[in-house]
Amino acid sequence: MIVEPRREAIPDAHVWWRIADPKWIDPLDPGYARDRGGRWNPPDSFPVLYLNEDLVTARLNLRAFIADSVWTAYQPGELRDDHGPLLIGCTLPRRQVVCDAHSQAGIRAVGLPDGYPLERDGTPVPRERCQSIGALAKAAGLHGVRARSARSRDGAGRELAWFPASGQCAEIVHRLAFTAWFWG
């Protein structure tokens, strides 16, 4: 049962990280997630840019990125700069207030189990449950959901599903080749 999303301001000028295919024209395009959906938004809903809070979280998410890409036949140790994923560092517009889905209080406020990303029985929390929370956060005028990484069974790592307002966009501040960010 959702009580009320717990609001939190994310730090201005923080560098957020996005794993990207070097062939993407715009690695910060939130339209793909709008059409396909993601953990915090249902398909055909609203634009979302999925970001990692730090390099550790990006590394946690790499296997999932590989599984959904042209690199499915590879393991991270087999990827090289000439064909591996980039890591894009970006900043967001100032004064972004998001739904807290990472602290114990935030998790409880949106009705997720204390052990999120896992249910009490140890199974992963379904995307559909998170998508309804994301839709609620969007309807409440929040700019996203800052959550525990769903790729970590113990909830380590933080991710941001950012909902850009009309006319807002993230700004690229870094482009790191695969070996610079994954092994560095």
N, C-alpha and C. Protein backbone atom coordinates (compact mmCIF):
# COMPACT_ATOMS: atom_id res chain seq x y z
N MET A 1 0.84 -1.18 0.00
CA MET A 1 0.00 0.00 0.00
C MET A 1 0.89 1.25 0.00
N ILE A 2 0.65 2.11 -0.96
CA ILE A 2 1.44 3.34 -1.07
C ILE A 2 0.84 4.39 -0.13
N VAL A 3 1.69 4.95 0.71
CA VAL A 3 1.25 5.98 1.64
C VAL A 3 1.32 7.33 0.92
N GLU A 4 2.49 7.81 0.72
CA GLU A 4 2.76 9.07 0.03
C GLU A 4 4.23 9.05 -0.35
N PRO A 5 4.56 9.27 -1.61
CA PRO A 5 5.99 9.23 -1.97
C PRO A 5 6.79 10.20 -1.10
N ARG A 6 7.90 9.72 -0.61
CA ARG A 6 8.81 10.57 0.17
C ARG A 6 9.65 11.36 -0.82
N ARG A 7 9.65 12.65 -0.67
CA ARG A 7 10.36 13.54 -1.60
C ARG A 7 11.78 13.77 -1.14
N GLU A 8 12.68 13.88 -2.10
CA GLU A 8 14.06 14.28 -1.78
C GLU A 8 14.63 15.06 -2.95
N ALA A 9 15.43 16.05 -2.62
CA ALA A 9 16.13 16.83 -3.64
C ALA A 9 17.44 16.11 -3.95
N ILE A 10 17.69 15.91 -5.24
CA ILE A 10 18.98 15.33 -5.60
C ILE A 10 19.99 16.46 -5.72
N PRO A 11 21.26 16.15 -5.46
CA PRO A 11 22.26 17.23 -5.46
C PRO A 11 22.44 17.85 -6.85
N ASP A 12 22.45 19.17 -6.87
CA ASP A 12 22.76 19.89 -8.11
C ASP A 12 24.19 19.58 -8.53
N ALA A 13 24.45 19.51 -9.80
CA ALA A 13 25.77 19.31 -10.39
C ALA A 13 26.35 17.92 -10.16
N HIS A 14 25.57 17.00 -9.59
CA HIS A 14 26.05 15.62 -9.45
C HIS A 14 26.20 15.01 -10.85
N VAL A 15 27.24 14.23 -11.06
CA VAL A 15 27.43 13.54 -12.34
C VAL A 15 26.76 12.17 -12.24
N TRP A 16 25.78 11.96 -13.11
CA TRP A 16 25.06 10.69 -13.23
C TRP A 16 25.62 9.96 -14.43
N TRP A 17 25.56 8.63 -14.43
CA TRP A 17 26.21 7.83 -15.46
C TRP A 17 25.21 6.96 -16.22
N ARG A 18 25.37 6.92 -17.53
CA ARG A 18 24.50 6.11 -18.38
C ARG A 18 25.36 5.24 -19.29
N ILE A 19 25.10 3.94 -19.27
CA ILE A 19 25.77 3.02 -20.19
C ILE A 19 25.13 3.22 -21.56
N ALA A 20 25.96 3.32 -22.59
CA ALA A 20 25.43 3.63 -23.92
C ALA A 20 26.16 2.85 -25.01
N ASP A 21 25.42 2.52 -26.02
CA ASP A 21 25.98 1.93 -27.23
C ASP A 21 26.62 3.07 -28.03
N PRO A 22 27.87 2.93 -28.47
CA PRO A 22 28.52 4.01 -29.22
C PRO A 22 27.77 4.39 -30.49
N LYS A 23 26.89 3.51 -30.97
CA LYS A 23 26.14 3.79 -32.21
C LYS A 23 24.90 4.66 -31.97
N TRP A 24 24.50 4.84 -30.71
CA TRP A 24 23.32 5.66 -30.44
C TRP A 24 23.59 7.10 -30.84
N ILE A 25 22.65 7.69 -31.54
CA ILE A 25 22.77 9.08 -31.96
C ILE A 25 22.72 10.01 -30.74
N ASP A 26 21.76 9.77 -29.85
CA ASP A 26 21.64 10.58 -28.65
C ASP A 26 21.56 9.65 -27.44
N PRO A 27 22.67 9.44 -26.75
CA PRO A 27 22.67 8.50 -25.63
C PRO A 27 21.83 8.96 -24.43
N LEU A 28 21.38 10.20 -24.45
CA LEU A 28 20.56 10.71 -23.35
C LEU A 28 19.10 10.93 -23.77
N ASP A 29 18.67 10.23 -24.79
CA ASP A 29 17.29 10.34 -25.28
C ASP A 29 16.36 9.53 -24.37
N PRO A 30 15.41 10.18 -23.68
CA PRO A 30 14.50 9.45 -22.80
C PRO A 30 13.32 8.83 -23.55
N GLY A 31 13.26 9.02 -24.85
CA GLY A 31 12.14 8.50 -25.64
C GLY A 31 12.10 6.99 -25.74
N TYR A 32 13.26 6.35 -25.74
CA TYR A 32 13.30 4.89 -25.84
C TYR A 32 12.56 4.25 -24.66
N ALA A 33 12.83 4.72 -23.45
CA ALA A 33 12.15 4.17 -22.27
C ALA A 33 10.66 4.54 -22.28
N ARG A 34 10.32 5.68 -22.83
CA ARG A 34 8.90 6.05 -22.94
C ARG A 34 8.16 4.99 -23.76
N ASP A 35 8.76 4.60 -24.86
CA ASP A 35 8.12 3.64 -25.76
C ASP A 35 8.18 2.21 -25.23
N ARG A 36 9.33 1.82 -24.76
CA ARG A 36 9.55 0.43 -24.34
C ARG A 36 9.16 0.17 -22.88
N GLY A 37 9.24 1.21 -22.07
CA GLY A 37 9.01 1.03 -20.64
C GLY A 37 10.29 0.64 -19.95
N GLY A 38 10.26 0.66 -18.65
CA GLY A 38 11.41 0.30 -17.83
C GLY A 38 10.93 -0.07 -16.44
N ARG A 39 11.84 -0.15 -15.51
CA ARG A 39 11.45 -0.53 -14.16
C ARG A 39 10.45 0.45 -13.56
N TRP A 40 10.61 1.76 -13.83
CA TRP A 40 9.78 2.77 -13.16
C TRP A 40 8.76 3.44 -14.08
N ASN A 41 8.60 2.96 -15.30
CA ASN A 41 7.55 3.48 -16.17
C ASN A 41 7.04 2.38 -17.11
N PRO A 42 5.72 2.31 -17.26
CA PRO A 42 5.17 1.30 -18.17
C PRO A 42 5.42 1.68 -19.63
N PRO A 43 5.35 0.71 -20.54
CA PRO A 43 5.50 1.01 -21.96
C PRO A 43 4.46 2.04 -22.42
N ASP A 44 4.85 2.84 -23.41
CA ASP A 44 3.95 3.85 -24.00
C ASP A 44 3.40 4.81 -22.95
N SER A 45 4.27 5.31 -22.08
CA SER A 45 3.80 6.18 -21.00
C SER A 45 4.45 7.56 -21.06
N PHE A 46 5.56 7.74 -20.40
CA PHE A 46 6.23 9.03 -20.31
C PHE A 46 7.73 8.82 -20.45
N PRO A 47 8.46 9.85 -20.92
CA PRO A 47 9.90 9.71 -21.12
C PRO A 47 10.65 9.57 -19.80
N VAL A 48 11.63 8.68 -19.80
CA VAL A 48 12.46 8.44 -18.62
C VAL A 48 13.89 8.20 -19.06
N LEU A 49 14.81 8.81 -18.38
CA LEU A 49 16.22 8.57 -18.61
C LEU A 49 16.74 7.79 -17.41
N TYR A 50 17.17 6.56 -17.65
CA TYR A 50 17.67 5.69 -16.58
C TYR A 50 19.16 5.92 -16.39
N LEU A 51 19.54 6.28 -15.17
CA LEU A 51 20.92 6.66 -14.86
C LEU A 51 21.44 5.92 -13.64
N ASN A 52 22.75 5.81 -13.57
CA ASN A 52 23.44 5.22 -12.42
C ASN A 52 24.05 6.35 -11.60
N GLU A 53 23.97 6.22 -10.28
CA GLU A 53 24.49 7.28 -9.42
C GLU A 53 26.02 7.32 -9.38
N ASP A 54 26.66 6.17 -9.61
CA ASP A 54 28.11 6.11 -9.52
C ASP A 54 28.63 4.98 -10.41
N LEU A 55 29.95 4.87 -10.48
CA LEU A 55 30.56 3.85 -11.34
C LEU A 55 30.29 2.43 -10.83
N VAL A 56 30.21 2.25 -9.54
CA VAL A 56 29.92 0.92 -8.98
C VAL A 56 28.55 0.44 -9.48
N THR A 57 27.57 1.31 -9.43
CA THR A 57 26.22 0.94 -9.89
C THR A 57 26.22 0.69 -11.40
N ALA A 58 26.96 1.48 -12.16
CA ALA A 58 27.05 1.24 -13.60
C ALA A 58 27.65 -0.14 -13.87
N ARG A 59 28.66 -0.51 -13.11
CA ARG A 59 29.25 -1.85 -13.29
C ARG A 59 28.24 -2.94 -12.94
N LEU A 60 27.42 -2.73 -11.91
CA LEU A 60 26.37 -3.69 -11.57
C LEU A 60 25.38 -3.86 -12.73
N ASN A 61 25.09 -2.78 -13.41
CA ASN A 61 24.10 -2.80 -14.49
C ASN A 61 24.65 -3.27 -15.83
N LEU A 62 25.95 -3.42 -15.95
CA LEU A 62 26.53 -3.78 -17.24
C LEU A 62 26.00 -5.10 -17.79
N ARG A 63 25.91 -6.13 -16.98
CA ARG A 63 25.43 -7.43 -17.48
C ARG A 63 24.03 -7.34 -18.07
N ALA A 64 23.15 -6.58 -17.42
CA ALA A 64 21.80 -6.40 -17.96
C ALA A 64 21.84 -5.64 -19.27
N PHE A 65 22.71 -4.64 -19.35
CA PHE A 65 22.84 -3.87 -20.60
C PHE A 65 23.33 -4.78 -21.73
N ILE A 66 24.32 -5.60 -21.43
CA ILE A 66 24.85 -6.52 -22.44
C ILE A 66 23.75 -7.48 -22.90
N ALA A 67 22.97 -8.01 -21.96
CA ALA A 67 21.92 -8.97 -22.31
C ALA A 67 20.87 -8.38 -23.25
N ASP A 68 20.66 -7.06 -23.18
CA ASP A 68 19.67 -6.40 -24.03
C ASP A 68 20.29 -5.74 -25.26
N SER A 69 21.51 -6.10 -25.62
CA SER A 69 22.19 -5.38 -26.70
C SER A 69 22.83 -6.34 -27.71
N VAL A 70 23.59 -5.76 -28.60
CA VAL A 70 24.29 -6.55 -29.62
C VAL A 70 25.44 -7.35 -29.03
N TRP A 71 25.77 -7.13 -27.76
CA TRP A 71 26.90 -7.80 -27.13
C TRP A 71 26.49 -9.04 -26.35
N THR A 72 25.32 -9.61 -26.61
CA THR A 72 24.82 -10.73 -25.81
C THR A 72 25.77 -11.92 -25.78
N ALA A 73 26.60 -12.10 -26.79
CA ALA A 73 27.51 -13.24 -26.84
C ALA A 73 28.79 -13.00 -26.03
N TYR A 74 28.93 -11.81 -25.46
CA TYR A 74 30.17 -11.44 -24.78
C TYR A 74 30.01 -11.41 -23.26
N GLN A 75 31.12 -11.60 -22.58
CA GLN A 75 31.24 -11.33 -21.15
C GLN A 75 32.02 -10.02 -21.03
N PRO A 76 31.89 -9.30 -19.92
CA PRO A 76 32.61 -8.02 -19.79
C PRO A 76 34.10 -8.12 -20.10
N GLY A 77 34.76 -9.21 -19.70
CA GLY A 77 36.19 -9.34 -19.95
C GLY A 77 36.57 -9.45 -21.41
N GLU A 78 35.58 -9.71 -22.28
CA GLU A 78 35.85 -9.84 -23.71
C GLU A 78 35.61 -8.55 -24.48
N LEU A 79 35.07 -7.53 -23.82
CA LEU A 79 34.77 -6.27 -24.51
C LEU A 79 36.00 -5.37 -24.54
N ARG A 80 36.13 -4.64 -25.63
CA ARG A 80 37.24 -3.69 -25.80
C ARG A 80 36.68 -2.33 -26.17
N ASP A 81 37.54 -1.35 -26.14
CA ASP A 81 37.12 0.01 -26.45
C ASP A 81 36.54 0.15 -27.85
N ASP A 82 37.05 -0.61 -28.80
CA ASP A 82 36.57 -0.43 -30.18
C ASP A 82 35.18 -0.99 -30.41
N HIS A 83 34.66 -1.78 -29.47
CA HIS A 83 33.28 -2.25 -29.65
C HIS A 83 32.50 -2.41 -28.34
N GLY A 84 33.04 -1.93 -27.25
CA GLY A 84 32.34 -2.02 -25.97
C GLY A 84 31.48 -0.81 -25.70
N PRO A 85 30.61 -0.90 -24.70
CA PRO A 85 29.74 0.23 -24.37
C PRO A 85 30.51 1.40 -23.75
N LEU A 86 30.03 2.58 -24.05
CA LEU A 86 30.57 3.81 -23.45
C LEU A 86 29.89 4.06 -22.11
N LEU A 87 30.47 4.91 -21.33
CA LEU A 87 29.80 5.41 -20.15
C LEU A 87 29.71 6.92 -20.32
N ILE A 88 28.48 7.42 -20.29
CA ILE A 88 28.23 8.84 -20.49
C ILE A 88 27.96 9.46 -19.12
N GLY A 89 28.75 10.45 -18.77
CA GLY A 89 28.51 11.22 -17.54
C GLY A 89 27.69 12.44 -17.89
N CYS A 90 26.66 12.70 -17.11
CA CYS A 90 25.81 13.85 -17.40
C CYS A 90 25.37 14.54 -16.12
N THR A 91 24.98 15.78 -16.27
CA THR A 91 24.37 16.52 -15.17
C THR A 91 22.93 16.85 -15.56
N LEU A 92 22.12 17.06 -14.56
CA LEU A 92 20.70 17.37 -14.76
C LEU A 92 20.44 18.83 -14.41
N PRO A 93 19.31 19.36 -14.86
CA PRO A 93 18.97 20.73 -14.45
C PRO A 93 18.90 20.84 -12.93
N ARG A 94 19.09 22.02 -12.43
CA ARG A 94 19.09 22.25 -10.98
C ARG A 94 17.71 22.04 -10.38
N ARG A 95 17.70 21.84 -9.07
CA ARG A 95 16.49 21.75 -8.25
C ARG A 95 15.54 20.63 -8.68
N GLN A 96 16.08 19.44 -8.81
CA GLN A 96 15.25 18.28 -9.15
C GLN A 96 14.82 17.58 -7.86
N VAL A 97 13.53 17.40 -7.70
CA VAL A 97 12.97 16.72 -6.53
C VAL A 97 12.36 15.41 -7.02
N VAL A 98 12.78 14.32 -6.40
CA VAL A 98 12.40 12.99 -6.85
C VAL A 98 11.78 12.19 -5.71
N CYS A 99 11.24 11.05 -6.05
CA CYS A 99 10.70 10.10 -5.09
C CYS A 99 11.85 9.27 -4.51
N ASP A 100 11.90 9.18 -3.20
CA ASP A 100 12.90 8.37 -2.51
C ASP A 100 12.41 6.92 -2.47
N ALA A 101 13.09 6.04 -3.19
CA ALA A 101 12.79 4.60 -3.15
C ALA A 101 14.08 3.85 -2.80
N HIS A 102 14.88 4.47 -1.93
CA HIS A 102 16.14 3.82 -1.53
C HIS A 102 16.33 3.77 -0.02
N SER A 103 15.88 4.79 0.71
CA SER A 103 16.01 4.75 2.17
C SER A 103 14.90 3.87 2.75
N GLN A 104 15.08 3.42 3.98
CA GLN A 104 14.04 2.58 4.60
C GLN A 104 12.71 3.34 4.67
N ALA A 105 12.76 4.63 5.03
CA ALA A 105 11.53 5.42 5.10
C ALA A 105 10.90 5.58 3.72
N GLY A 106 11.72 5.80 2.72
CA GLY A 106 11.21 5.95 1.35
C GLY A 106 10.61 4.67 0.82
N ILE A 107 11.27 3.56 1.08
CA ILE A 107 10.78 2.24 0.65
C ILE A 107 9.41 1.98 1.28
N ARG A 108 9.28 2.23 2.57
CA ARG A 108 8.00 2.00 3.26
C ARG A 108 6.91 2.91 2.72
N ALA A 109 7.28 4.18 2.45
CA ALA A 109 6.29 5.15 1.99
C ALA A 109 5.64 4.76 0.66
N VAL A 110 6.38 4.08 -0.19
CA VAL A 110 5.81 3.66 -1.48
C VAL A 110 5.31 2.22 -1.46
N GLY A 111 5.33 1.60 -0.29
CA GLY A 111 4.75 0.27 -0.16
C GLY A 111 5.60 -0.88 -0.65
N LEU A 112 6.91 -0.65 -0.78
CA LEU A 112 7.80 -1.74 -1.18
C LEU A 112 8.29 -2.48 0.07
N PRO A 113 8.68 -3.75 -0.08
CA PRO A 113 9.19 -4.48 1.07
C PRO A 113 10.52 -3.91 1.55
N ASP A 114 10.79 -4.06 2.85
CA ASP A 114 12.04 -3.54 3.43
C ASP A 114 13.28 -4.03 2.70
N GLY A 115 13.23 -5.22 2.13
CA GLY A 115 14.38 -5.80 1.44
C GLY A 115 14.43 -5.49 -0.04
N TYR A 116 13.66 -4.46 -0.49
CA TYR A 116 13.68 -4.12 -1.91
C TYR A 116 15.13 -4.02 -2.36
N PRO A 117 15.49 -4.64 -3.46
CA PRO A 117 14.69 -5.04 -4.61
C PRO A 117 14.07 -6.44 -4.54
N LEU A 118 14.12 -7.06 -3.37
CA LEU A 118 13.55 -8.40 -3.23
C LEU A 118 12.30 -8.38 -2.36
N GLU A 119 11.39 -9.27 -2.70
CA GLU A 119 10.22 -9.51 -1.86
C GLU A 119 10.67 -10.21 -0.59
N ARG A 120 9.77 -10.36 0.35
CA ARG A 120 10.10 -11.06 1.60
C ARG A 120 10.53 -12.50 1.34
N ASP A 121 9.99 -13.14 0.28
CA ASP A 121 10.33 -14.53 -0.02
C ASP A 121 11.62 -14.67 -0.83
N GLY A 122 12.30 -13.54 -1.12
CA GLY A 122 13.56 -13.57 -1.85
C GLY A 122 13.44 -13.46 -3.36
N THR A 123 12.23 -13.39 -3.89
CA THR A 123 12.05 -13.22 -5.33
C THR A 123 12.12 -11.72 -5.67
N PRO A 124 12.52 -11.39 -6.89
CA PRO A 124 12.59 -9.97 -7.26
C PRO A 124 11.20 -9.31 -7.26
N VAL A 125 11.16 -8.05 -6.83
CA VAL A 125 9.92 -7.27 -6.91
C VAL A 125 9.62 -7.08 -8.40
N PRO A 126 8.40 -7.39 -8.84
CA PRO A 126 8.07 -7.26 -10.27
C PRO A 126 8.11 -5.81 -10.76
N ARG A 127 8.49 -5.67 -12.01
CA ARG A 127 8.55 -4.34 -12.63
C ARG A 127 7.20 -3.63 -12.57
N GLU A 128 6.13 -4.37 -12.78
CA GLU A 128 4.80 -3.75 -12.80
C GLU A 128 4.51 -3.00 -11.50
N ARG A 129 4.96 -3.55 -10.40
CA ARG A 129 4.76 -2.90 -9.11
C ARG A 129 5.53 -1.58 -9.05
N CYS A 130 6.76 -1.60 -9.53
CA CYS A 130 7.58 -0.38 -9.56
C CYS A 130 7.03 0.62 -10.57
N GLN A 131 6.52 0.13 -11.69
CA GLN A 131 5.96 1.02 -12.71
C GLN A 131 4.79 1.83 -12.16
N SER A 132 3.96 1.21 -11.34
CA SER A 132 2.83 1.96 -10.76
C SER A 132 3.34 3.03 -9.79
N ILE A 133 4.43 2.75 -9.08
CA ILE A 133 5.03 3.75 -8.18
C ILE A 133 5.61 4.90 -9.01
N GLY A 134 6.29 4.58 -10.10
CA GLY A 134 6.82 5.63 -10.97
C GLY A 134 5.72 6.50 -11.54
N ALA A 135 4.62 5.89 -11.96
CA ALA A 135 3.49 6.65 -12.50
C ALA A 135 2.90 7.56 -11.42
N LEU A 136 2.82 7.07 -10.19
CA LEU A 136 2.33 7.88 -9.09
C LEU A 136 3.27 9.06 -8.82
N ALA A 137 4.58 8.80 -8.83
CA ALA A 137 5.56 9.87 -8.62
C ALA A 137 5.44 10.93 -9.72
N LYS A 138 5.30 10.48 -10.95
CA LYS A 138 5.14 11.41 -12.08
C LYS A 138 3.88 12.25 -11.91
N ALA A 139 2.77 11.59 -11.54
CA ALA A 139 1.50 12.31 -11.35
C ALA A 139 1.59 13.30 -10.20
N ALA A 140 2.45 13.02 -9.22
CA ALA A 140 2.64 13.92 -8.08
C ALA A 140 3.55 15.10 -8.42
N GLY A 141 4.04 15.15 -9.64
CA GLY A 141 4.90 16.26 -10.06
C GLY A 141 6.36 16.08 -9.72
N LEU A 142 6.75 14.88 -9.33
CA LEU A 142 8.15 14.64 -9.02
C LEU A 142 8.93 14.42 -10.31
N HIS A 143 10.24 14.63 -10.25
CA HIS A 143 11.09 14.55 -11.44
C HIS A 143 11.76 13.20 -11.61
N GLY A 144 11.35 12.21 -10.86
CA GLY A 144 11.94 10.89 -11.02
C GLY A 144 11.83 10.06 -9.77
N VAL A 145 12.53 8.92 -9.82
CA VAL A 145 12.60 7.99 -8.70
C VAL A 145 14.06 7.64 -8.48
N ARG A 146 14.56 7.92 -7.29
CA ARG A 146 15.92 7.50 -6.91
C ARG A 146 15.75 6.22 -6.11
N ALA A 147 16.33 5.14 -6.60
CA ALA A 147 16.05 3.83 -6.03
C ALA A 147 17.30 3.01 -5.80
N ARG A 148 17.14 2.00 -4.96
CA ARG A 148 18.18 0.99 -4.83
C ARG A 148 18.29 0.28 -6.17
N SER A 149 19.49 -0.15 -6.50
CA SER A 149 19.68 -0.85 -7.76
C SER A 149 18.97 -2.19 -7.73
N ALA A 150 18.16 -2.43 -8.74
CA ALA A 150 17.46 -3.71 -8.86
C ALA A 150 18.42 -4.83 -9.27
N ARG A 151 19.62 -4.48 -9.68
CA ARG A 151 20.62 -5.47 -10.12
C ARG A 151 21.43 -6.03 -8.96
N SER A 152 21.23 -5.49 -7.79
CA SER A 152 21.97 -5.93 -6.62
C SER A 152 21.00 -6.58 -5.64
N ARG A 153 21.22 -7.82 -5.32
CA ARG A 153 20.31 -8.53 -4.42
C ARG A 153 20.27 -7.91 -3.02
N ASP A 154 21.33 -7.22 -2.63
CA ASP A 154 21.34 -6.63 -1.29
C ASP A 154 20.97 -5.14 -1.30
N GLY A 155 20.56 -4.60 -2.46
CA GLY A 155 20.15 -3.21 -2.52
C GLY A 155 21.29 -2.22 -2.62
N ALA A 156 22.51 -2.71 -2.83
CA ALA A 156 23.65 -1.80 -3.00
C ALA A 156 23.49 -1.05 -4.32
N GLY A 157 24.06 0.10 -4.39
CA GLY A 157 24.00 0.90 -5.61
C GLY A 157 22.72 1.72 -5.65
N ARG A 158 22.79 2.84 -6.32
CA ARG A 158 21.63 3.71 -6.48
C ARG A 158 21.47 4.07 -7.94
N GLU A 159 20.22 4.11 -8.35
CA GLU A 159 19.86 4.46 -9.72
C GLU A 159 18.87 5.62 -9.68
N LEU A 160 18.78 6.31 -10.79
CA LEU A 160 17.80 7.38 -10.91
C LEU A 160 17.03 7.17 -12.21
N ALA A 161 15.72 7.09 -12.08
CA ALA A 161 14.84 7.13 -13.24
C ALA A 161 14.37 8.58 -13.30
N TRP A 162 14.96 9.36 -14.22
CA TRP A 162 14.69 10.79 -14.28
C TRP A 162 13.60 11.08 -15.30
N PHE A 163 12.60 11.86 -14.88
CA PHE A 163 11.49 12.26 -15.75
C PHE A 163 11.74 13.71 -16.18
N PRO A 164 12.31 13.92 -17.36
CA PRO A 164 12.58 15.30 -17.76
C PRO A 164 11.29 16.07 -18.04
N ALA A 165 11.19 17.28 -17.53
CA ALA A 165 10.06 18.15 -17.83
C ALA A 165 10.23 18.65 -19.26
N SER A 166 9.18 19.15 -19.82
CA SER A 166 9.22 19.68 -21.19
C SER A 166 10.33 20.72 -21.31
N GLY A 167 11.18 20.54 -22.29
CA GLY A 167 12.27 21.47 -22.53
C GLY A 167 13.52 21.21 -21.70
N GLN A 168 13.45 20.29 -20.76
CA GLN A 168 14.63 19.98 -19.95
C GLN A 168 15.41 18.85 -20.60
N CYS A 169 16.72 18.90 -20.45
CA CYS A 169 17.54 17.79 -20.93
C CYS A 169 18.79 17.68 -20.06
N ALA A 170 19.34 16.49 -20.07
CA ALA A 170 20.60 16.26 -19.36
C ALA A 170 21.74 16.76 -20.24
N GLU A 171 22.82 17.16 -19.60
CA GLU A 171 23.98 17.67 -20.34
C GLU A 171 25.16 16.72 -20.18
N ILE A 172 25.73 16.29 -21.30
CA ILE A 172 26.88 15.40 -21.27
C ILE A 172 28.11 16.17 -20.78
N VAL A 173 28.79 15.59 -19.78
CA VAL A 173 30.01 16.20 -19.27
C VAL A 173 31.22 15.26 -19.38
N HIS A 174 30.97 13.95 -19.60
CA HIS A 174 32.05 12.98 -19.77
C HIS A 174 31.61 11.89 -20.76
N ARG A 175 32.58 11.36 -21.49
CA ARG A 175 32.40 10.15 -22.32
C ARG A 175 33.59 9.27 -22.03
N LEU A 176 33.33 8.12 -21.42
CA LEU A 176 34.42 7.23 -21.07
C LEU A 176 34.36 5.96 -21.90
N ALA A 177 35.49 5.60 -22.49
CA ALA A 177 35.60 4.34 -23.23
C ALA A 177 35.45 3.19 -22.23
N PHE A 178 35.08 2.03 -22.74
CA PHE A 178 34.76 0.89 -21.88
C PHE A 178 35.87 0.56 -20.88
N THR A 179 37.10 0.43 -21.34
CA THR A 179 38.17 0.03 -20.41
C THR A 179 38.47 1.09 -19.36
N ALA A 180 38.17 2.35 -19.67
CA ALA A 180 38.41 3.43 -18.70
C ALA A 180 37.42 3.39 -17.54
N TRP A 181 36.20 2.94 -17.79
CA TRP A 181 35.22 2.95 -16.71
C TRP A 181 34.98 1.58 -16.08
N PHE A 182 35.08 0.53 -16.85
CA PHE A 182 34.77 -0.77 -16.26
C PHE A 182 35.93 -1.31 -15.46
N TRP A 183 37.13 -1.17 -15.98
CA TRP A 183 38.31 -1.72 -15.28
C TRP A 183 39.04 -0.67 -14.47
N GLY A 184 38.74 0.61 -14.74
CA GLY A 184 39.48 1.71 -14.11
C GLY A 184 39.26 1.92 -12.66
